[in-house]
Amino acid sequence: MEDKNDIMLKQLFEQAAKQQIADNGFTERVMMNLPEVKESRVQCLARMWTLFCLIVAVGIFWLTSGWNIVEGFMTGGKHMLLNALEVFLLTAPTTEIQVNPWVILLLLGFVLVFLPYQTFRKLSATL
C-alpha cells in the first residue's frame, strides 16, 4: 500500500519526465567539442601484459598436458559422486529412520536443477 508521499513523488517525477527543456543546440555543441579519448600508455601496457600472461598460461597448460589433468579431475569427481550415491542407496534402507532413497534423489534433483532454473528465469524476466 502506498502512502500519500509516494503518490506525490510519482506524480512529480511523471510531470518532470514529460517536460522538455530547450537548449538551442547546446548539448550537441558540447558533445562536438569534447576531446577524443585516446588509449593511454598505461592501458596499452596493461593489455599487452594481459596478453603476455594469457599466452604464458596457455603454454604452461599445453606443456604440462593440462587437459589430461583436467580430464582426470572430472573423471575422478564423477566416480566419487556415483560411489557416494551408490553407498547412499545401499545404506539408506538400513537406517532406523524410514527414508525412501528415491524421494531423496528427486528432492536433490529439484534443488540442484529446478530451483536454479526458476530463479534464473525470474531474474532474467525482471532484468
N, C-alpha and C. Protein backbone atom coordinates (compact mmCIF):
# COMPACT_ATOMS: atom_id res chain seq x y z
N MET A 1 0.84 -1.16 0.00
CA MET A 1 0.00 0.00 0.00
C MET A 1 0.90 1.24 0.00
N GLU A 2 0.61 2.18 -0.86
CA GLU A 2 1.42 3.38 -0.98
C GLU A 2 0.85 4.49 -0.11
N ASP A 3 1.74 5.25 0.47
CA ASP A 3 1.24 6.38 1.24
C ASP A 3 1.19 7.64 0.36
N LYS A 4 0.72 8.72 0.94
CA LYS A 4 0.49 9.95 0.19
C LYS A 4 1.78 10.53 -0.38
N ASN A 5 2.87 10.42 0.35
CA ASN A 5 4.15 10.95 -0.12
C ASN A 5 4.64 10.22 -1.37
N ASP A 6 4.49 8.90 -1.39
CA ASP A 6 4.91 8.14 -2.57
C ASP A 6 4.10 8.54 -3.79
N ILE A 7 2.83 8.72 -3.63
CA ILE A 7 1.96 9.11 -4.75
C ILE A 7 2.35 10.49 -5.26
N MET A 8 2.62 11.42 -4.35
CA MET A 8 3.01 12.76 -4.76
C MET A 8 4.37 12.76 -5.48
N LEU A 9 5.30 11.95 -5.00
CA LEU A 9 6.60 11.84 -5.66
C LEU A 9 6.47 11.26 -7.07
N LYS A 10 5.63 10.24 -7.22
CA LYS A 10 5.42 9.66 -8.54
C LYS A 10 4.85 10.70 -9.50
N GLN A 11 3.88 11.46 -9.04
CA GLN A 11 3.29 12.49 -9.89
C GLN A 11 4.32 13.55 -10.27
N LEU A 12 5.15 13.96 -9.33
CA LEU A 12 6.17 14.96 -9.60
C LEU A 12 7.15 14.48 -10.66
N PHE A 13 7.62 13.24 -10.51
CA PHE A 13 8.58 12.71 -11.48
C PHE A 13 7.95 12.46 -12.84
N GLU A 14 6.68 12.07 -12.87
CA GLU A 14 5.99 11.90 -14.16
C GLU A 14 5.90 13.24 -14.88
N GLN A 15 5.58 14.30 -14.16
CA GLN A 15 5.50 15.63 -14.79
C GLN A 15 6.87 16.08 -15.25
N ALA A 16 7.90 15.83 -14.47
CA ALA A 16 9.25 16.25 -14.84
C ALA A 16 9.75 15.48 -16.06
N ALA A 17 9.35 14.21 -16.20
CA ALA A 17 9.78 13.42 -17.35
C ALA A 17 9.14 13.91 -18.63
N LYS A 18 7.95 14.48 -18.56
CA LYS A 18 7.25 14.98 -19.75
C LYS A 18 7.77 16.34 -20.19
N GLN A 19 8.43 17.04 -19.30
CA GLN A 19 8.85 18.40 -19.58
C GLN A 19 10.07 18.40 -20.50
N GLN A 20 10.05 19.25 -21.53
CA GLN A 20 11.16 19.40 -22.47
C GLN A 20 11.86 20.73 -22.19
N ILE A 21 13.18 20.68 -22.16
CA ILE A 21 13.97 21.88 -21.91
C ILE A 21 14.72 22.21 -23.20
N ALA A 22 14.48 23.40 -23.74
CA ALA A 22 15.16 23.82 -24.97
C ALA A 22 16.56 24.30 -24.62
N ASP A 23 17.56 23.74 -25.32
CA ASP A 23 18.93 24.16 -25.04
C ASP A 23 19.60 24.80 -26.26
N ASN A 24 18.84 25.05 -27.30
CA ASN A 24 19.33 25.73 -28.50
C ASN A 24 20.60 25.09 -29.06
N GLY A 25 20.65 23.76 -29.06
CA GLY A 25 21.79 23.06 -29.63
C GLY A 25 23.01 23.00 -28.73
N PHE A 26 22.86 23.40 -27.46
CA PHE A 26 23.99 23.42 -26.53
C PHE A 26 24.58 22.02 -26.33
N THR A 27 23.72 21.03 -26.17
CA THR A 27 24.19 19.66 -25.93
C THR A 27 25.02 19.17 -27.10
N GLU A 28 24.56 19.42 -28.32
CA GLU A 28 25.30 18.97 -29.50
C GLU A 28 26.66 19.66 -29.60
N ARG A 29 26.71 20.95 -29.29
CA ARG A 29 27.98 21.68 -29.35
C ARG A 29 28.97 21.15 -28.31
N VAL A 30 28.47 20.86 -27.12
CA VAL A 30 29.34 20.31 -26.08
C VAL A 30 29.89 18.96 -26.52
N MET A 31 29.04 18.12 -27.05
CA MET A 31 29.48 16.79 -27.48
C MET A 31 30.50 16.88 -28.62
N MET A 32 30.35 17.85 -29.50
CA MET A 32 31.30 18.01 -30.61
C MET A 32 32.65 18.53 -30.12
N ASN A 33 32.68 19.31 -29.04
CA ASN A 33 33.91 19.90 -28.54
C ASN A 33 34.63 19.06 -27.49
N LEU A 34 34.07 17.93 -27.13
CA LEU A 34 34.75 17.06 -26.17
C LEU A 34 36.01 16.49 -26.82
N PRO A 35 37.07 16.38 -26.07
CA PRO A 35 38.30 15.83 -26.66
C PRO A 35 38.13 14.34 -26.95
N GLU A 36 38.83 13.89 -27.99
CA GLU A 36 38.78 12.47 -28.31
C GLU A 36 39.55 11.70 -27.25
N VAL A 37 38.99 10.60 -26.85
CA VAL A 37 39.63 9.79 -25.83
C VAL A 37 40.59 8.84 -26.53
N LYS A 38 41.86 9.02 -26.24
CA LYS A 38 42.88 8.15 -26.81
C LYS A 38 43.31 7.16 -25.75
N GLU A 39 43.71 6.00 -26.23
CA GLU A 39 44.15 4.98 -25.30
C GLU A 39 45.48 5.41 -24.70
N SER A 40 45.53 5.45 -23.40
CA SER A 40 46.75 5.89 -22.74
C SER A 40 47.82 4.80 -22.79
N ARG A 41 49.03 5.19 -22.49
CA ARG A 41 50.15 4.25 -22.50
C ARG A 41 49.95 3.17 -21.43
N VAL A 42 49.39 3.55 -20.30
CA VAL A 42 49.17 2.59 -19.22
C VAL A 42 48.16 1.53 -19.66
N GLN A 43 47.08 1.95 -20.32
CA GLN A 43 46.08 0.99 -20.79
C GLN A 43 46.69 0.04 -21.82
N CYS A 44 47.52 0.59 -22.70
CA CYS A 44 48.17 -0.23 -23.72
C CYS A 44 49.10 -1.26 -23.07
N LEU A 45 49.90 -0.83 -22.09
CA LEU A 45 50.78 -1.75 -21.39
C LEU A 45 50.00 -2.81 -20.61
N ALA A 46 48.87 -2.41 -20.03
CA ALA A 46 48.05 -3.37 -19.29
C ALA A 46 47.49 -4.43 -20.22
N ARG A 47 47.05 -4.03 -21.42
CA ARG A 47 46.54 -5.01 -22.37
C ARG A 47 47.65 -5.93 -22.86
N MET A 48 48.82 -5.37 -23.10
CA MET A 48 49.94 -6.21 -23.55
C MET A 48 50.36 -7.19 -22.46
N TRP A 49 50.36 -6.74 -21.20
CA TRP A 49 50.70 -7.62 -20.08
C TRP A 49 49.67 -8.74 -19.93
N THR A 50 48.41 -8.41 -20.09
CA THR A 50 47.35 -9.42 -20.01
C THR A 50 47.52 -10.45 -21.12
N LEU A 51 47.80 -9.99 -22.33
CA LEU A 51 48.00 -10.90 -23.45
C LEU A 51 49.22 -11.79 -23.21
N PHE A 52 50.30 -11.22 -22.70
CA PHE A 52 51.50 -12.00 -22.40
C PHE A 52 51.21 -13.08 -21.36
N CYS A 53 50.51 -12.71 -20.29
CA CYS A 53 50.18 -13.68 -19.24
C CYS A 53 49.28 -14.79 -19.77
N LEU A 54 48.34 -14.44 -20.63
CA LEU A 54 47.45 -15.43 -21.21
C LEU A 54 48.23 -16.41 -22.08
N ILE A 55 49.16 -15.90 -22.88
CA ILE A 55 49.98 -16.77 -23.74
C ILE A 55 50.85 -17.69 -22.89
N VAL A 56 51.45 -17.15 -21.82
CA VAL A 56 52.28 -17.98 -20.94
C VAL A 56 51.44 -19.05 -20.26
N ALA A 57 50.24 -18.70 -19.80
CA ALA A 57 49.37 -19.67 -19.13
C ALA A 57 48.96 -20.79 -20.08
N VAL A 58 48.60 -20.43 -21.32
CA VAL A 58 48.23 -21.46 -22.30
C VAL A 58 49.44 -22.34 -22.61
N GLY A 59 50.61 -21.73 -22.72
CA GLY A 59 51.83 -22.51 -22.97
C GLY A 59 52.12 -23.49 -21.85
N ILE A 60 52.02 -23.04 -20.61
CA ILE A 60 52.26 -23.94 -19.47
C ILE A 60 51.21 -25.04 -19.44
N PHE A 61 49.95 -24.69 -19.72
CA PHE A 61 48.88 -25.68 -19.75
C PHE A 61 49.18 -26.74 -20.80
N TRP A 62 49.65 -26.31 -21.96
CA TRP A 62 49.95 -27.24 -23.05
C TRP A 62 51.18 -28.09 -22.73
N LEU A 63 52.25 -27.48 -22.18
CA LEU A 63 53.48 -28.21 -21.89
C LEU A 63 53.30 -29.25 -20.79
N THR A 64 52.43 -28.97 -19.83
CA THR A 64 52.23 -29.91 -18.72
C THR A 64 51.09 -30.88 -18.97
N SER A 65 50.59 -30.93 -20.20
CA SER A 65 49.46 -31.80 -20.54
C SER A 65 48.29 -31.51 -19.62
N GLY A 66 47.95 -30.26 -19.55
CA GLY A 66 46.90 -29.80 -18.64
C GLY A 66 45.55 -30.42 -18.90
N TRP A 67 45.26 -30.70 -20.17
CA TRP A 67 43.94 -31.27 -20.47
C TRP A 67 43.79 -32.64 -19.83
N ASN A 68 44.87 -33.44 -19.80
CA ASN A 68 44.81 -34.75 -19.16
C ASN A 68 44.54 -34.62 -17.66
N ILE A 69 45.12 -33.59 -17.05
CA ILE A 69 44.89 -33.35 -15.62
C ILE A 69 43.44 -32.97 -15.37
N VAL A 70 42.90 -32.07 -16.20
CA VAL A 70 41.50 -31.65 -16.05
C VAL A 70 40.57 -32.84 -16.27
N GLU A 71 40.89 -33.64 -17.29
CA GLU A 71 40.06 -34.82 -17.58
C GLU A 71 40.10 -35.81 -16.41
N GLY A 72 41.28 -35.96 -15.79
CA GLY A 72 41.39 -36.84 -14.62
C GLY A 72 40.57 -36.34 -13.45
N PHE A 73 40.60 -35.02 -13.21
CA PHE A 73 39.77 -34.45 -12.14
C PHE A 73 38.29 -34.70 -12.39
N MET A 74 37.87 -34.49 -13.63
CA MET A 74 36.45 -34.67 -13.96
C MET A 74 36.05 -36.14 -13.80
N THR A 75 36.88 -37.05 -14.28
CA THR A 75 36.57 -38.47 -14.17
C THR A 75 36.54 -38.89 -12.69
N GLY A 76 37.54 -38.44 -11.92
CA GLY A 76 37.56 -38.77 -10.50
C GLY A 76 36.36 -38.23 -9.76
N GLY A 77 35.95 -36.99 -10.09
CA GLY A 77 34.77 -36.40 -9.46
C GLY A 77 33.51 -37.17 -9.80
N LYS A 78 33.41 -37.60 -11.07
CA LYS A 78 32.23 -38.37 -11.48
C LYS A 78 32.17 -39.69 -10.74
N HIS A 79 33.31 -40.39 -10.64
CA HIS A 79 33.34 -41.67 -9.93
C HIS A 79 33.01 -41.49 -8.45
N MET A 80 33.54 -40.42 -7.85
CA MET A 80 33.28 -40.17 -6.44
C MET A 80 31.78 -39.91 -6.21
N LEU A 81 31.16 -39.13 -7.10
CA LEU A 81 29.73 -38.85 -6.96
C LEU A 81 28.91 -40.12 -7.11
N LEU A 82 29.24 -40.92 -8.12
CA LEU A 82 28.49 -42.17 -8.32
C LEU A 82 28.67 -43.12 -7.15
N ASN A 83 29.87 -43.21 -6.60
CA ASN A 83 30.10 -44.07 -5.43
C ASN A 83 29.33 -43.57 -4.22
N ALA A 84 29.29 -42.26 -4.01
CA ALA A 84 28.54 -41.71 -2.88
C ALA A 84 27.05 -42.00 -3.03
N LEU A 85 26.52 -41.84 -4.25
CA LEU A 85 25.10 -42.16 -4.46
C LEU A 85 24.83 -43.65 -4.26
N GLU A 86 25.75 -44.50 -4.72
CA GLU A 86 25.57 -45.94 -4.54
C GLU A 86 25.57 -46.31 -3.05
N VAL A 87 26.50 -45.74 -2.29
CA VAL A 87 26.55 -46.02 -0.85
C VAL A 87 25.27 -45.52 -0.18
N PHE A 88 24.79 -44.34 -0.58
CA PHE A 88 23.56 -43.81 -0.01
C PHE A 88 22.38 -44.72 -0.31
N LEU A 89 22.27 -45.17 -1.55
CA LEU A 89 21.14 -46.02 -1.92
C LEU A 89 21.19 -47.37 -1.23
N LEU A 90 22.39 -47.85 -0.92
CA LEU A 90 22.50 -49.14 -0.23
C LEU A 90 22.29 -49.02 1.27
N THR A 91 22.70 -47.92 1.87
CA THR A 91 22.63 -47.80 3.32
C THR A 91 21.37 -47.10 3.81
N ALA A 92 20.70 -46.34 2.97
CA ALA A 92 19.51 -45.61 3.42
C ALA A 92 18.40 -46.54 3.89
N PRO A 93 18.12 -47.66 3.21
CA PRO A 93 17.05 -48.53 3.71
C PRO A 93 17.38 -49.22 5.03
N THR A 94 18.67 -49.27 5.43
CA THR A 94 19.04 -49.97 6.65
C THR A 94 19.00 -49.08 7.89
N THR A 95 18.73 -47.80 7.71
CA THR A 95 18.68 -46.91 8.87
C THR A 95 17.36 -47.09 9.61
N GLU A 96 17.33 -46.59 10.84
CA GLU A 96 16.11 -46.70 11.63
C GLU A 96 15.05 -45.73 11.15
N ILE A 97 15.46 -44.65 10.51
CA ILE A 97 14.52 -43.66 10.00
C ILE A 97 14.00 -44.16 8.66
N GLN A 98 12.71 -44.12 8.49
CA GLN A 98 12.12 -44.57 7.24
C GLN A 98 12.32 -43.50 6.17
N VAL A 99 13.33 -43.72 5.32
CA VAL A 99 13.66 -42.77 4.26
C VAL A 99 13.61 -43.52 2.94
N ASN A 100 12.86 -43.00 2.01
CA ASN A 100 12.85 -43.56 0.67
C ASN A 100 13.97 -42.88 -0.12
N PRO A 101 14.98 -43.64 -0.56
CA PRO A 101 16.11 -43.01 -1.25
C PRO A 101 15.70 -42.34 -2.56
N TRP A 102 14.67 -42.83 -3.20
CA TRP A 102 14.24 -42.22 -4.47
C TRP A 102 13.63 -40.84 -4.23
N VAL A 103 12.95 -40.68 -3.10
CA VAL A 103 12.41 -39.37 -2.77
C VAL A 103 13.56 -38.39 -2.51
N ILE A 104 14.58 -38.85 -1.82
CA ILE A 104 15.74 -38.00 -1.55
C ILE A 104 16.41 -37.60 -2.87
N LEU A 105 16.57 -38.56 -3.80
CA LEU A 105 17.18 -38.24 -5.09
C LEU A 105 16.33 -37.24 -5.89
N LEU A 106 15.01 -37.40 -5.84
CA LEU A 106 14.13 -36.45 -6.52
C LEU A 106 14.23 -35.06 -5.90
N LEU A 107 14.29 -35.00 -4.57
CA LEU A 107 14.46 -33.70 -3.91
C LEU A 107 15.80 -33.07 -4.26
N LEU A 108 16.83 -33.88 -4.32
CA LEU A 108 18.15 -33.38 -4.69
C LEU A 108 18.13 -32.84 -6.12
N GLY A 109 17.48 -33.56 -7.02
CA GLY A 109 17.35 -33.08 -8.40
C GLY A 109 16.56 -31.79 -8.46
N PHE A 110 15.51 -31.70 -7.65
CA PHE A 110 14.70 -30.49 -7.61
C PHE A 110 15.52 -29.29 -7.15
N VAL A 111 16.31 -29.50 -6.11
CA VAL A 111 17.10 -28.41 -5.56
C VAL A 111 18.24 -28.01 -6.50
N LEU A 112 18.88 -28.98 -7.14
CA LEU A 112 20.04 -28.68 -7.98
C LEU A 112 19.69 -28.25 -9.40
N VAL A 113 18.49 -28.62 -9.89
CA VAL A 113 18.15 -28.31 -11.28
C VAL A 113 16.98 -27.34 -11.38
N PHE A 114 15.86 -27.68 -10.78
CA PHE A 114 14.65 -26.90 -11.00
C PHE A 114 14.69 -25.53 -10.33
N LEU A 115 15.12 -25.46 -9.08
CA LEU A 115 15.16 -24.17 -8.38
C LEU A 115 16.11 -23.17 -9.03
N PRO A 116 17.34 -23.57 -9.40
CA PRO A 116 18.19 -22.59 -10.11
C PRO A 116 17.60 -22.15 -11.45
N TYR A 117 16.93 -23.08 -12.15
CA TYR A 117 16.30 -22.72 -13.42
C TYR A 117 15.21 -21.68 -13.21
N GLN A 118 14.36 -21.89 -12.22
CA GLN A 118 13.28 -20.94 -11.95
C GLN A 118 13.83 -19.59 -11.51
N THR A 119 14.87 -19.62 -10.68
CA THR A 119 15.47 -18.37 -10.23
C THR A 119 16.05 -17.60 -11.41
N PHE A 120 16.76 -18.29 -12.29
CA PHE A 120 17.33 -17.65 -13.48
C PHE A 120 16.23 -17.07 -14.36
N ARG A 121 15.16 -17.82 -14.53
CA ARG A 121 14.06 -17.34 -15.38
C ARG A 121 13.40 -16.10 -14.81
N LYS A 122 13.18 -16.08 -13.50
CA LYS A 122 12.56 -14.92 -12.89
C LYS A 122 13.49 -13.71 -12.93
N LEU A 123 14.78 -13.93 -12.67
CA LEU A 123 15.73 -12.82 -12.72
C LEU A 123 15.87 -12.26 -14.12
N SER A 124 15.91 -13.12 -15.13
CA SER A 124 16.04 -12.62 -16.48
C SER A 124 14.77 -11.92 -16.94
N ALA A 125 13.62 -12.30 -16.40
CA ALA A 125 12.37 -11.64 -16.78
C ALA A 125 12.31 -10.23 -16.17
N THR A 126 12.88 -10.05 -14.96
CA THR A 126 12.84 -8.75 -14.34
C THR A 126 13.89 -7.81 -14.88
N LEU A 127 14.98 -8.36 -15.38
CA LEU A 127 16.04 -7.51 -15.92
C LEU A 127 15.74 -7.28 -17.35
